[in-house]
Amino acid sequence: MKQLFKIHWLLSFLFTGYLFGQVGIHNEKPEADLDVKGEVRLRKLANPIEYNRMILADEHGNLGYNDLGEDAYTAKDVLFKNLPQSVSTTLVNNSNAVTMVPVELNLDLVVKIEPRTTVAVALEYNVSITGVLTNINTPVPGYMGITLYRSENNIQTELEEGSRKFTLYNVPKNYGSERHITMPVSGKATDIFTNLTTSAKYITYSAKGYVENGRGTMFFGSPVGADENYGTGVFIIQIYEKKL
């Protein structure tokens, strides 16, 4: 008897929808072919890579789609990290050194590249850098800045378009016997990576301090105990993805 009732209810529901051309759920006066008043849950949705339309909704719950096209990227994620605390160094890094030792700032972000996708990333950083200078009479110019790196499979390469530095010139005394110079250093870069495999890949991007012919104590982020707040630092990555 219970089974017969279910069949009868289903037939009535389908017949009503066919007769009036519109079906309402929790809604006696539907205004569309399917008008749902309440929450909707879809289970076991497929995720085939050939799908290239994005479902959108307006403020009234009306659905539509955006045709992404074969070569379109969609915004996937935004990653960011703040400089946790000021980092100081007295590194020199002579200009004739074979390898410049970077200053670790803990500004590292990991981007996941899904299988069968191409990912484009937009990287941006801004870090306050202060030099408390000594030995300013040396004729060799000094430099401070930020170097942007990309690491994959433990192989690190520089993203030169995003690296920046400024000159440590001979500034006059401005804090008693000390000479200070502060610069906000910012840079941007883009990178594209294609993963044709069936496994996810991971790329680590890092913003690290740069010192060449350093002199005195140099701070990345506002110096500890400073009378003024020079700002700290932030590293941001915007991620865009395209299915293959």
Protein backbone atom coordinates (compact mmCIF):
# COMPACT_ATOMS: atom_id res chain seq x y z
CA MET A 1 0.00 0.00 0.00
CA LYS A 2 2.84 2.36 0.91
CA GLN A 3 4.62 1.64 -2.40
CA LEU A 4 1.38 2.29 -4.32
CA PHE A 5 1.05 5.66 -2.55
CA LYS A 6 4.60 6.67 -3.57
CA ILE A 7 3.93 5.82 -7.20
CA HIS A 8 0.69 7.76 -7.17
CA TRP A 9 2.38 10.80 -5.61
CA LEU A 10 5.18 10.71 -8.19
CA LEU A 11 2.76 10.46 -11.11
CA SER A 12 0.72 13.33 -9.72
CA PHE A 13 3.82 15.45 -9.33
CA LEU A 14 5.01 14.78 -12.88
CA PHE A 15 1.55 15.27 -14.39
CA THR A 16 1.10 18.59 -12.61
CA GLY A 17 4.46 19.79 -13.86
CA TYR A 18 3.62 18.73 -17.42
CA LEU A 19 0.16 20.30 -17.31
CA PHE A 20 1.22 23.71 -16.12
CA GLY A 21 4.74 23.74 -17.61
CA GLN A 22 6.30 24.90 -14.32
CA VAL A 23 7.21 23.04 -11.15
CA GLY A 24 7.50 24.60 -7.72
CA ILE A 25 9.12 23.01 -4.70
CA HIS A 26 7.91 24.64 -1.45
CA ASN A 27 6.41 27.20 -3.79
CA GLU A 28 2.75 27.15 -4.91
CA LYS A 29 3.29 29.82 -7.59
CA PRO A 30 6.43 28.95 -9.56
CA GLU A 31 7.80 31.65 -11.85
CA ALA A 32 10.19 29.42 -13.81
CA ASP A 33 10.21 25.88 -15.22
CA LEU A 34 11.69 24.83 -11.87
CA ASP A 35 11.21 27.22 -8.95
CA VAL A 36 12.73 26.07 -5.66
CA LYS A 37 12.07 27.93 -2.42
CA GLY A 38 14.72 26.60 -0.11
CA GLU A 39 18.21 25.13 -0.16
CA VAL A 40 19.49 23.00 -3.04
CA ARG A 41 22.06 20.20 -2.79
CA LEU A 42 23.50 18.35 -5.79
CA ARG A 43 25.35 15.10 -5.12
CA LYS A 44 27.92 13.19 -7.15
CA LEU A 45 28.56 15.94 -9.67
CA ALA A 46 30.96 15.01 -12.47
CA ASN A 47 34.12 17.05 -13.05
CA PRO A 48 35.14 16.31 -16.64
CA ILE A 49 37.88 18.52 -18.01
CA GLU A 50 35.87 19.29 -21.17
CA TYR A 51 33.27 21.29 -19.20
CA ASN A 52 33.88 24.98 -19.95
CA ARG A 53 30.81 26.79 -18.61
CA MET A 54 30.48 28.39 -15.18
CA ILE A 55 27.06 28.48 -13.49
CA LEU A 56 26.18 31.91 -12.07
CA ALA A 57 23.28 33.21 -9.97
CA ASP A 58 21.82 36.68 -9.48
CA GLU A 59 20.50 38.08 -6.20
CA HIS A 60 17.08 36.53 -6.87
CA GLY A 61 18.44 33.02 -7.43
CA ASN A 62 18.02 33.03 -11.22
CA LEU A 63 20.68 30.84 -12.81
CA GLY A 64 22.71 31.43 -15.93
CA TYR A 65 26.13 30.53 -17.25
CA ASN A 66 29.32 32.12 -18.47
CA ASP A 67 30.98 30.48 -21.47
CA LEU A 68 34.64 30.26 -20.48
CA GLY A 69 35.96 29.16 -23.84
CA GLU A 70 38.85 26.82 -24.50
CA ASP A 71 41.61 29.28 -23.61
CA ALA A 72 39.99 31.04 -20.66
CA TYR A 73 41.49 31.13 -17.18
CA THR A 74 39.32 31.20 -14.06
CA ALA A 75 40.31 32.72 -10.73
CA LYS A 76 41.14 29.86 -8.38
CA ASP A 77 42.73 31.19 -5.20
CA VAL A 78 44.58 34.01 -3.47
CA LEU A 79 47.51 33.24 -1.16
CA PHE A 80 49.20 35.76 1.11
CA LYS A 81 51.69 35.89 3.94
CA ASN A 82 52.85 38.72 6.17
CA LEU A 83 56.43 39.17 7.33
CA PRO A 84 56.06 37.66 10.83
CA GLN A 85 58.69 39.88 12.45
CA SER A 86 61.57 42.17 11.61
CA VAL A 87 64.67 40.38 10.31
CA SER A 88 68.10 41.98 10.82
CA THR A 89 71.40 41.10 9.19
CA THR A 90 75.00 42.31 9.01
CA LEU A 91 75.76 40.39 5.83
CA VAL A 92 78.30 41.93 3.47
CA ASN A 93 78.05 39.81 0.28
CA ASN A 94 80.89 41.35 -1.71
CA SER A 95 79.96 42.29 -5.27
CA ASN A 96 82.61 39.93 -6.67
CA ALA A 97 81.21 36.92 -4.75
CA VAL A 98 80.25 33.96 -6.92
CA THR A 99 77.01 33.41 -4.97
CA MET A 100 75.04 35.99 -3.02
CA VAL A 101 73.71 34.62 0.29
CA PRO A 102 70.01 35.55 0.59
CA VAL A 103 68.38 36.70 3.82
CA GLU A 104 65.60 34.30 4.84
CA LEU A 105 62.37 36.22 5.55
CA ASN A 106 59.92 33.29 5.86
CA LEU A 107 57.90 34.75 2.97
CA ASP A 108 57.22 31.45 1.18
CA LEU A 109 53.99 30.40 -0.56
CA VAL A 110 53.20 27.03 -2.16
CA VAL A 111 51.04 26.83 -5.31
CA LYS A 112 49.38 23.51 -6.18
CA ILE A 113 49.14 22.65 -9.89
CA GLU A 114 46.33 20.17 -10.48
CA PRO A 115 46.69 17.39 -13.09
CA ARG A 116 45.94 18.35 -16.69
CA THR A 117 45.88 22.10 -16.00
CA THR A 118 47.78 25.25 -16.82
CA VAL A 119 48.17 27.74 -13.98
CA ALA A 120 49.07 31.42 -14.31
CA VAL A 121 50.17 33.23 -11.16
CA ALA A 122 50.52 36.94 -10.42
CA LEU A 123 53.02 37.61 -7.63
CA GLU A 124 53.43 40.84 -5.68
CA TYR A 125 55.34 41.84 -2.56
CA ASN A 126 56.06 44.98 -0.54
CA VAL A 127 58.70 45.04 2.20
CA SER A 128 60.06 47.93 4.24
CA ILE A 129 63.89 47.88 4.35
CA THR A 130 66.03 49.99 6.69
CA GLY A 131 69.80 50.34 6.85
CA VAL A 132 71.53 51.64 9.99
CA LEU A 133 74.74 52.48 8.20
CA THR A 134 78.37 52.39 9.27
CA ASN A 135 81.56 52.63 7.21
CA ILE A 136 79.79 54.94 4.78
CA ASN A 137 83.00 56.39 3.37
CA THR A 138 83.78 53.27 1.35
CA PRO A 139 83.85 54.09 -2.38
CA VAL A 140 82.08 50.83 -3.27
CA PRO A 141 78.29 51.28 -3.57
CA GLY A 142 76.05 49.03 -1.50
CA TYR A 143 72.65 47.63 -2.35
CA MET A 144 69.63 46.19 -0.52
CA GLY A 145 66.44 44.71 -1.88
CA ILE A 146 64.29 41.64 -2.44
CA THR A 147 64.98 38.65 -4.68
CA LEU A 148 62.05 36.59 -5.94
CA TYR A 149 62.60 32.83 -6.30
CA ARG A 150 60.71 29.86 -7.72
CA SER A 151 61.50 26.34 -6.42
CA GLU A 152 60.47 23.01 -7.98
CA ASN A 153 61.88 19.61 -7.07
CA ASN A 154 64.47 21.30 -4.83
CA ILE A 155 65.77 23.36 -7.76
CA GLN A 156 65.66 27.11 -7.07
CA THR A 157 65.71 29.75 -9.82
CA GLU A 158 65.35 33.51 -9.68
CA LEU A 159 62.35 35.27 -11.21
CA GLU A 160 64.39 38.27 -12.34
CA GLU A 161 61.42 40.35 -13.45
CA GLY A 162 60.26 40.50 -9.83
CA SER A 163 63.58 41.23 -8.09
CA ARG A 164 64.29 44.80 -6.88
CA LYS A 165 67.13 46.64 -5.08
CA PHE A 166 68.14 50.19 -4.13
CA THR A 167 71.48 51.90 -3.53
CA LEU A 168 72.93 52.52 -0.06
CA TYR A 169 74.23 56.01 -0.64
CA ASN A 170 76.03 58.23 1.88
CA VAL A 171 73.17 59.81 3.81
CA PRO A 172 73.82 62.54 6.42
CA LYS A 173 73.55 61.83 10.13
CA ASN A 174 69.87 61.83 11.11
CA TYR A 175 69.71 59.98 14.45
CA GLY A 176 72.53 61.26 16.65
CA SER A 177 75.63 59.42 15.49
CA GLU A 178 73.69 57.01 13.24
CA ARG A 179 72.78 57.22 9.61
CA HIS A 180 69.45 55.66 8.62
CA ILE A 181 67.97 55.02 5.22
CA THR A 182 64.55 53.38 4.72
CA MET A 183 62.89 52.30 1.50
CA PRO A 184 59.66 50.42 0.75
CA VAL A 185 60.67 47.85 -1.85
CA SER A 186 57.94 46.36 -4.02
CA GLY A 187 57.95 44.11 -7.06
CA LYS A 188 55.65 42.13 -9.32
CA ALA A 189 56.07 39.09 -11.54
CA THR A 190 54.04 36.55 -13.48
CA ASP A 191 54.66 32.87 -14.04
CA ILE A 192 52.91 30.10 -16.00
CA PHE A 193 53.18 26.38 -15.40
CA THR A 194 51.54 23.47 -17.29
CA ASN A 195 51.02 20.08 -15.67
CA LEU A 196 50.30 17.37 -18.26
CA THR A 197 50.67 14.52 -15.78
CA THR A 198 48.02 12.73 -13.73
CA SER A 199 49.52 13.86 -10.41
CA ALA A 200 49.49 17.24 -8.71
CA LYS A 201 52.69 19.31 -8.71
CA TYR A 202 53.80 21.94 -6.21
CA ILE A 203 55.74 25.15 -6.84
CA THR A 204 57.19 27.22 -3.98
CA TYR A 205 57.60 30.97 -4.48
CA SER A 206 59.79 32.94 -2.05
CA ALA A 207 60.64 36.57 -1.42
CA LYS A 208 64.09 36.78 0.21
CA GLY A 209 66.27 39.65 1.35
CA TYR A 210 69.12 40.83 -0.86
CA VAL A 211 72.35 42.46 0.37
CA GLU A 212 75.36 43.47 -1.71
CA ASN A 213 78.31 45.29 -0.17
CA GLY A 214 76.33 45.71 3.05
CA ARG A 215 77.42 48.07 5.77
CA GLY A 216 76.10 48.26 9.31
CA THR A 217 72.88 46.57 10.43
CA MET A 218 70.13 46.15 7.86
CA PHE A 219 66.48 45.45 8.73
CA PHE A 220 63.76 43.86 6.65
CA GLY A 221 60.57 45.10 8.26
CA SER A 222 60.36 47.85 10.86
CA PRO A 223 63.48 47.82 13.10
CA VAL A 224 62.94 46.49 16.61
CA GLY A 225 62.63 49.35 19.08
CA ALA A 226 62.35 52.00 16.37
CA ASP A 227 60.59 55.25 17.33
CA GLU A 228 58.59 55.15 14.12
CA ASN A 229 56.68 52.37 12.38
CA TYR A 230 58.21 51.82 8.96
CA GLY A 231 55.82 48.99 8.09
CA THR A 232 56.55 45.27 7.81
CA GLY A 233 56.05 43.26 4.64
CA VAL A 234 53.55 41.17 2.68
CA PHE A 235 53.72 38.62 -0.14
CA ILE A 236 50.62 37.90 -2.28
CA ILE A 237 49.94 35.41 -5.08
CA GLN A 238 46.80 35.38 -7.26
CA ILE A 239 46.20 32.03 -8.98
CA TYR A 240 44.33 31.48 -12.27
CA GLU A 241 43.65 28.03 -13.72
CA LYS A 242 42.79 26.60 -17.14
CA LYS A 243 41.70 23.00 -17.74
CA LEU A 244 43.47 21.09 -20.53
